[in-house]
């Protein structure tokens, strides 16, 4: 099931896989053929965890969309049953939160 989320260009988020059967019961993916996380389009980046069951989705500096693909093997045996899902990350620019006023040195009048 595709997922969508919106973040600012100063944020990242962790996405975690929780495989389930058609009836919603917990399931496993093949640990010998770990999930593959990739960027299909856009300028975001992905940093998979050591077990590949989660990954950091990192927004780019510029606004725009990034589509991530996760491909896992649902067959726990010798074969491969590809199970794929996508995440669309909408990136917006961060708004100013302060004016950052600085003062110069005093000068005679």
C-alpha atoms as a PDB file:
ATOM      1  CA  UNK A   1       0.000   0.000   0.000  1.00  0.00           C
ATOM      2  CA  UNK A   2       1.637   3.271  -1.083  1.00  0.00           C
ATOM      3  CA  UNK A   3       2.384   5.797   1.649  1.00  0.00           C
ATOM      4  CA  UNK A   4       2.633   9.601   1.385  1.00  0.00           C
ATOM      5  CA  UNK A   5       4.080  12.114   3.832  1.00  0.00           C
ATOM      6  CA  UNK A   6       5.078  15.791   3.770  1.00  0.00           C
ATOM      7  CA  UNK A   7       8.166  17.119   5.569  1.00  0.00           C
ATOM      8  CA  UNK A   8      10.230  20.288   5.400  1.00  0.00           C
ATOM      9  CA  UNK A   9      13.660  20.368   3.810  1.00  0.00           C
ATOM     10  CA  UNK A  10      15.144  20.377   7.347  1.00  0.00           C
ATOM     11  CA  UNK A  11      13.676  17.011   8.354  1.00  0.00           C
ATOM     12  CA  UNK A  12      14.099  13.279   7.888  1.00  0.00           C
ATOM     13  CA  UNK A  13      11.978  10.336   9.057  1.00  0.00           C
ATOM     14  CA  UNK A  14      12.459   6.658   9.814  1.00  0.00           C
ATOM     15  CA  UNK A  15      10.270   4.226   7.842  1.00  0.00           C
ATOM     16  CA  UNK A  16       9.890   0.723   9.314  1.00  0.00           C
ATOM     17  CA  UNK A  17       8.615  -2.425   7.617  1.00  0.00           C
ATOM     18  CA  UNK A  18       5.929  -4.422   9.445  1.00  0.00           C
ATOM     19  CA  UNK A  19       4.977  -7.212   6.992  1.00  0.00           C
ATOM     20  CA  UNK A  20       1.481  -8.641   7.338  1.00  0.00           C
ATOM     21  CA  UNK A  21      -0.586 -11.379   5.699  1.00  0.00           C
ATOM     22  CA  UNK A  22      -3.782 -10.623   3.762  1.00  0.00           C
ATOM     23  CA  UNK A  23      -5.755 -10.986   7.004  1.00  0.00           C
ATOM     24  CA  UNK A  24      -3.460  -8.604   8.901  1.00  0.00           C
ATOM     25  CA  UNK A  25      -1.418 -11.117  10.872  1.00  0.00           C
ATOM     26  CA  UNK A  26       2.326 -10.460  11.338  1.00  0.00           C
ATOM     27  CA  UNK A  27       4.494 -12.071   8.672  1.00  0.00           C
ATOM     28  CA  UNK A  28       8.172 -12.298   7.837  1.00  0.00           C
ATOM     29  CA  UNK A  29      10.275 -11.551   4.804  1.00  0.00           C
ATOM     30  CA  UNK A  30      13.295 -13.642   3.830  1.00  0.00           C
ATOM     31  CA  UNK A  31      16.189 -12.689   6.165  1.00  0.00           C
ATOM     32  CA  UNK A  32      18.642 -14.235   3.673  1.00  0.00           C
ATOM     33  CA  UNK A  33      17.462 -11.831   0.982  1.00  0.00           C
ATOM     34  CA  UNK A  34      17.024  -8.519   2.853  1.00  0.00           C
ATOM     35  CA  UNK A  35      14.741  -5.724   1.633  1.00  0.00           C
ATOM     36  CA  UNK A  36      16.209  -3.249  -0.839  1.00  0.00           C
ATOM     37  CA  UNK A  37      15.483   0.472  -0.364  1.00  0.00           C
ATOM     38  CA  UNK A  38      15.976   2.767  -3.366  1.00  0.00           C
ATOM     39  CA  UNK A  39      15.096   6.191  -4.753  1.00  0.00           C
ATOM     40  CA  UNK A  40      12.960   5.915  -7.907  1.00  0.00           C
ATOM     41  CA  UNK A  41      12.764   9.649  -8.563  1.00  0.00           C
ATOM     42  CA  UNK A  42      13.556  12.907  -6.810  1.00  0.00           C
ATOM     43  CA  UNK A  43      16.529  14.228  -4.862  1.00  0.00           C
ATOM     44  CA  UNK A  44      15.932  12.708  -1.424  1.00  0.00           C
ATOM     45  CA  UNK A  45      18.242  10.043  -0.051  1.00  0.00           C
ATOM     46  CA  UNK A  46      17.693   6.791   1.820  1.00  0.00           C
ATOM     47  CA  UNK A  47      19.881   5.282   4.560  1.00  0.00           C
ATOM     48  CA  UNK A  48      18.872   1.677   5.360  1.00  0.00           C
ATOM     49  CA  UNK A  49      19.377   0.269   8.861  1.00  0.00           C
ATOM     50  CA  UNK A  50      21.773  -2.637   9.388  1.00  0.00           C
ATOM     51  CA  UNK A  51      18.910  -5.182   9.238  1.00  0.00           C
ATOM     52  CA  UNK A  52      17.254  -3.409   6.259  1.00  0.00           C
ATOM     53  CA  UNK A  53      13.875  -3.531   8.038  1.00  0.00           C
ATOM     54  CA  UNK A  54      13.882   0.238   8.411  1.00  0.00           C
ATOM     55  CA  UNK A  55      15.533   3.207   6.764  1.00  0.00           C
ATOM     56  CA  UNK A  56      15.951   6.945   7.203  1.00  0.00           C
ATOM     57  CA  UNK A  57      14.266   8.914   4.439  1.00  0.00           C
ATOM     58  CA  UNK A  58      16.167  12.184   4.140  1.00  0.00           C
ATOM     59  CA  UNK A  59      14.614  15.203   2.436  1.00  0.00           C
ATOM     60  CA  UNK A  60      16.616  17.144  -0.160  1.00  0.00           C
ATOM     61  CA  UNK A  61      17.539  20.803   0.299  1.00  0.00           C
ATOM     62  CA  UNK A  62      15.072  21.881  -2.393  1.00  0.00           C
ATOM     63  CA  UNK A  63      11.304  21.461  -2.359  1.00  0.00           C
ATOM     64  CA  UNK A  64       9.831  18.676  -4.478  1.00  0.00           C
ATOM     65  CA  UNK A  65       8.795  15.042  -4.371  1.00  0.00           C
ATOM     66  CA  UNK A  66      10.912  11.941  -3.854  1.00  0.00           C
ATOM     67  CA  UNK A  67       9.548   8.468  -4.512  1.00  0.00           C
ATOM     68  CA  UNK A  68      11.178   5.619  -2.597  1.00  0.00           C
ATOM     69  CA  UNK A  69      10.770   1.940  -3.482  1.00  0.00           C
ATOM     70  CA  UNK A  70      11.092  -0.931  -0.999  1.00  0.00           C
ATOM     71  CA  UNK A  71      11.455  -4.430  -2.464  1.00  0.00           C
ATOM     72  CA  UNK A  72      11.343  -7.432  -0.119  1.00  0.00           C
ATOM     73  CA  UNK A  73      11.277 -11.204  -0.650  1.00  0.00           C
ATOM     74  CA  UNK A  74       8.078 -12.697   0.791  1.00  0.00           C
ATOM     75  CA  UNK A  75       9.143 -16.286  -0.039  1.00  0.00           C
ATOM     76  CA  UNK A  76      10.962 -17.694   2.996  1.00  0.00           C
ATOM     77  CA  UNK A  77      12.327 -20.604   0.966  1.00  0.00           C
ATOM     78  CA  UNK A  78      14.643 -20.899  -2.027  1.00  0.00           C
ATOM     79  CA  UNK A  79      12.416 -18.946  -4.430  1.00  0.00           C
ATOM     80  CA  UNK A  80      11.706 -15.245  -4.593  1.00  0.00           C
ATOM     81  CA  UNK A  81       8.320 -13.616  -4.270  1.00  0.00           C
ATOM     82  CA  UNK A  82       8.865  -9.906  -4.750  1.00  0.00           C
ATOM     83  CA  UNK A  83       6.770  -7.714  -2.479  1.00  0.00           C
ATOM     84  CA  UNK A  84       7.076  -4.005  -3.301  1.00  0.00           C
ATOM     85  CA  UNK A  85       5.760  -0.777  -1.883  1.00  0.00           C
ATOM     86  CA  UNK A  86       6.387   2.920  -2.460  1.00  0.00           C
ATOM     87  CA  UNK A  87       6.676   5.970  -0.255  1.00  0.00           C
ATOM     88  CA  UNK A  88       6.130   9.427  -1.715  1.00  0.00           C
ATOM     89  CA  UNK A  89       7.864  12.109   0.337  1.00  0.00           C
ATOM     90  CA  UNK A  90       6.684  15.647  -0.416  1.00  0.00           C
ATOM     91  CA  UNK A  91       9.337  18.176   0.623  1.00  0.00           C
ATOM     92  CA  UNK A  92       8.439  21.790   1.361  1.00  0.00           C
ATOM     93  CA  UNK A  93      10.752  24.657   2.237  1.00  0.00           C
ATOM     94  CA  UNK A  94      11.113  25.442   5.928  1.00  0.00           C
ATOM     95  CA  UNK A  95       9.568  28.772   6.961  1.00  0.00           C
ATOM     96  CA  UNK A  96      11.533  31.432   8.819  1.00  0.00           C
ATOM     97  CA  UNK A  97      11.004  31.203  12.589  1.00  0.00           C
ATOM     98  CA  UNK A  98      13.017  34.271  13.683  1.00  0.00           C
ATOM     99  CA  UNK A  99      14.409  37.398  12.057  1.00  0.00           C
ATOM    100  CA  UNK A 100      18.009  36.797  13.140  1.00  0.00           C
ATOM    101  CA  UNK A 101      18.632  40.467  13.996  1.00  0.00           C
ATOM    102  CA  UNK A 102      22.267  41.392  14.503  1.00  0.00           C
ATOM    103  CA  UNK A 103      23.597  44.718  15.731  1.00  0.00           C
ATOM    104  CA  UNK A 104      26.634  46.512  14.399  1.00  0.00           C
ATOM    105  CA  UNK A 105      29.229  48.328  16.504  1.00  0.00           C
ATOM    106  CA  UNK A 106      28.238  51.695  18.005  1.00  0.00           C
ATOM    107  CA  UNK A 107      29.304  54.730  15.944  1.00  0.00           C
ATOM    108  CA  UNK A 108      29.459  58.430  16.882  1.00  0.00           C
ATOM    109  CA  UNK A 109      26.492  60.577  15.869  1.00  0.00           C
END
